[in-house]
Amino acid sequence: MKRSYDLVLILRPDLPDEDDTQKKERIEKFVGDGVSVSEITPLGRKQLAYEIAKKREGVYWKTRLTSDRPIRVADLEKQLALGQDILRYLLTAKQ
């Protein structure tokens, strides 16, 4: 049974623009093996409500992840927290 997850990322605003293939590769690098990125929706650059890592803006991406097995959320969160390009993230499981 495939499991679906939504992942919203807020990335540093000073990153270079990328095409969808590069975005997908970058996100797959963060989420690890056994998880595929099925959809990427850029939500654009937005002003943050408060400063994060000395940044007042962030680039928002919404992604849909699919996996044949449950994602080890703690491991994924650790990987996302170590990413220097990621200011914040939100991972939710779809029912």
C-alpha atoms as a PDB file:
ATOM      1  CA  MET A   1       0.000   0.000   0.000  1.00  0.00           C
ATOM      2  CA  LYS A   2       1.429   3.347  -1.045  1.00  0.00           C
ATOM      3  CA  ARG A   3       1.581   6.039   1.577  1.00  0.00           C
ATOM      4  CA  SER A   4       1.355   9.726   0.737  1.00  0.00           C
ATOM      5  CA  TYR A   5       2.877  12.636   2.586  1.00  0.00           C
ATOM      6  CA  ASP A   6       2.821  16.385   2.023  1.00  0.00           C
ATOM      7  CA  LEU A   7       6.022  18.288   2.714  1.00  0.00           C
ATOM      8  CA  VAL A   8       6.123  22.085   2.770  1.00  0.00           C
ATOM      9  CA  LEU A   9       9.592  23.619   2.723  1.00  0.00           C
ATOM     10  CA  ILE A  10      10.707  27.181   3.305  1.00  0.00           C
ATOM     11  CA  LEU A  11      14.067  27.630   1.616  1.00  0.00           C
ATOM     12  CA  ARG A  12      16.627  30.423   1.777  1.00  0.00           C
ATOM     13  CA  PRO A  13      15.739  33.225  -0.646  1.00  0.00           C
ATOM     14  CA  ASP A  14      19.307  33.565  -1.960  1.00  0.00           C
ATOM     15  CA  LEU A  15      19.343  30.140  -3.650  1.00  0.00           C
ATOM     16  CA  PRO A  16      19.699  30.136  -7.449  1.00  0.00           C
ATOM     17  CA  ASP A  17      16.601  29.480  -9.561  1.00  0.00           C
ATOM     18  CA  GLU A  18      16.325  25.853 -10.687  1.00  0.00           C
ATOM     19  CA  ASP A  19      14.198  23.926 -13.126  1.00  0.00           C
ATOM     20  CA  ASP A  20      11.764  21.252 -11.904  1.00  0.00           C
ATOM     21  CA  THR A  21      14.239  18.400 -12.472  1.00  0.00           C
ATOM     22  CA  GLN A  22      16.857  20.039 -10.262  1.00  0.00           C
ATOM     23  CA  LYS A  23      14.238  20.801  -7.577  1.00  0.00           C
ATOM     24  CA  LYS A  24      13.083  17.180  -7.597  1.00  0.00           C
ATOM     25  CA  GLU A  25      16.675  15.913  -7.295  1.00  0.00           C
ATOM     26  CA  ARG A  26      17.387  18.315  -4.427  1.00  0.00           C
ATOM     27  CA  ILE A  27      14.271  17.231  -2.512  1.00  0.00           C
ATOM     28  CA  GLU A  28      14.948  13.526  -3.155  1.00  0.00           C
ATOM     29  CA  LYS A  29      18.421  14.055  -1.701  1.00  0.00           C
ATOM     30  CA  PHE A  30      16.835  15.395   1.495  1.00  0.00           C
ATOM     31  CA  VAL A  31      14.155  12.719   1.897  1.00  0.00           C
ATOM     32  CA  GLY A  32      16.404   9.729   1.222  1.00  0.00           C
ATOM     33  CA  ASP A  33      15.989   6.257  -0.254  1.00  0.00           C
ATOM     34  CA  GLY A  34      12.653   4.532  -0.754  1.00  0.00           C
ATOM     35  CA  VAL A  35      10.714   7.785  -1.067  1.00  0.00           C
ATOM     36  CA  SER A  36       9.720   9.294  -4.401  1.00  0.00           C
ATOM     37  CA  VAL A  37       8.732  12.882  -5.098  1.00  0.00           C
ATOM     38  CA  SER A  38       5.532  12.732  -7.122  1.00  0.00           C
ATOM     39  CA  GLU A  39       4.637  16.420  -7.259  1.00  0.00           C
ATOM     40  CA  ILE A  40       6.389  19.760  -6.708  1.00  0.00           C
ATOM     41  CA  THR A  41       4.406  22.985  -6.480  1.00  0.00           C
ATOM     42  CA  PRO A  42       6.376  26.219  -6.119  1.00  0.00           C
ATOM     43  CA  LEU A  43       4.441  28.634  -3.926  1.00  0.00           C
ATOM     44  CA  GLY A  44       6.801  31.545  -4.504  1.00  0.00           C
ATOM     45  CA  ARG A  45       8.810  33.955  -2.424  1.00  0.00           C
ATOM     46  CA  LYS A  46       7.007  35.316   0.630  1.00  0.00           C
ATOM     47  CA  GLN A  47       7.851  37.560   3.531  1.00  0.00           C
ATOM     48  CA  LEU A  48       8.234  35.689   6.818  1.00  0.00           C
ATOM     49  CA  ALA A  49       6.297  36.692   9.916  1.00  0.00           C
ATOM     50  CA  TYR A  50       9.565  36.815  11.850  1.00  0.00           C
ATOM     51  CA  GLU A  51      13.243  36.550  11.041  1.00  0.00           C
ATOM     52  CA  ILE A  52      14.661  33.044  10.649  1.00  0.00           C
ATOM     53  CA  ALA A  53      18.441  32.619  10.375  1.00  0.00           C
ATOM     54  CA  LYS A  54      18.756  36.361   9.634  1.00  0.00           C
ATOM     55  CA  LYS A  55      16.360  36.043   6.658  1.00  0.00           C
ATOM     56  CA  ARG A  56      13.165  38.090   6.260  1.00  0.00           C
ATOM     57  CA  GLU A  57      11.918  36.186   3.171  1.00  0.00           C
ATOM     58  CA  GLY A  58      11.684  32.553   2.144  1.00  0.00           C
ATOM     59  CA  VAL A  59      10.900  30.520  -0.950  1.00  0.00           C
ATOM     60  CA  TYR A  60       8.020  28.126  -0.355  1.00  0.00           C
ATOM     61  CA  TRP A  61       7.656  24.718  -2.038  1.00  0.00           C
ATOM     62  CA  LYS A  62       4.893  22.176  -1.512  1.00  0.00           C
ATOM     63  CA  THR A  63       5.791  18.609  -2.412  1.00  0.00           C
ATOM     64  CA  ARG A  64       3.924  15.299  -2.422  1.00  0.00           C
ATOM     65  CA  LEU A  65       5.969  12.287  -1.338  1.00  0.00           C
ATOM     66  CA  THR A  66       5.011   8.660  -1.845  1.00  0.00           C
ATOM     67  CA  SER A  67       6.482   5.540  -0.318  1.00  0.00           C
ATOM     68  CA  ASP A  68       5.690   1.828  -0.219  1.00  0.00           C
ATOM     69  CA  ARG A  69       6.534   1.733   3.472  1.00  0.00           C
ATOM     70  CA  PRO A  70       6.019   4.202   6.314  1.00  0.00           C
ATOM     71  CA  ILE A  71       8.571   6.997   6.353  1.00  0.00           C
ATOM     72  CA  ARG A  72      10.679   7.124   9.483  1.00  0.00           C
ATOM     73  CA  VAL A  73       9.622  10.634  10.393  1.00  0.00           C
ATOM     74  CA  ALA A  74      12.336  11.176  12.997  1.00  0.00           C
ATOM     75  CA  ASP A  75      15.062  10.300  10.494  1.00  0.00           C
ATOM     76  CA  LEU A  76      13.536  12.521   7.814  1.00  0.00           C
ATOM     77  CA  GLU A  77      13.174  15.435  10.227  1.00  0.00           C
ATOM     78  CA  LYS A  78      16.793  15.048  11.280  1.00  0.00           C
ATOM     79  CA  GLN A  79      17.872  15.095   7.628  1.00  0.00           C
ATOM     80  CA  LEU A  80      15.740  18.178   6.905  1.00  0.00           C
ATOM     81  CA  ALA A  81      17.037  19.990   9.990  1.00  0.00           C
ATOM     82  CA  LEU A  82      20.624  19.436   8.828  1.00  0.00           C
ATOM     83  CA  GLY A  83      19.917  20.946   5.401  1.00  0.00           C
ATOM     84  CA  GLN A  84      21.533  24.375   5.285  1.00  0.00           C
ATOM     85  CA  ASP A  85      19.169  25.556   2.531  1.00  0.00           C
ATOM     86  CA  ILE A  86      16.008  24.798   4.549  1.00  0.00           C
ATOM     87  CA  LEU A  87      14.721  27.433   6.968  1.00  0.00           C
ATOM     88  CA  ARG A  88      11.597  25.512   8.069  1.00  0.00           C
ATOM     89  CA  TYR A  89       9.570  22.453   7.042  1.00  0.00           C
ATOM     90  CA  LEU A  90       6.219  20.803   7.746  1.00  0.00           C
ATOM     91  CA  LEU A  91       5.564  17.121   7.055  1.00  0.00           C
ATOM     92  CA  THR A  92       2.034  15.705   7.176  1.00  0.00           C
ATOM     93  CA  ALA A  93       0.739  12.218   6.393  1.00  0.00           C
ATOM     94  CA  LYS A  94      -2.205  11.961   3.993  1.00  0.00           C
ATOM     95  CA  GLN A  95      -5.013   9.557   4.897  1.00  0.00           C
END
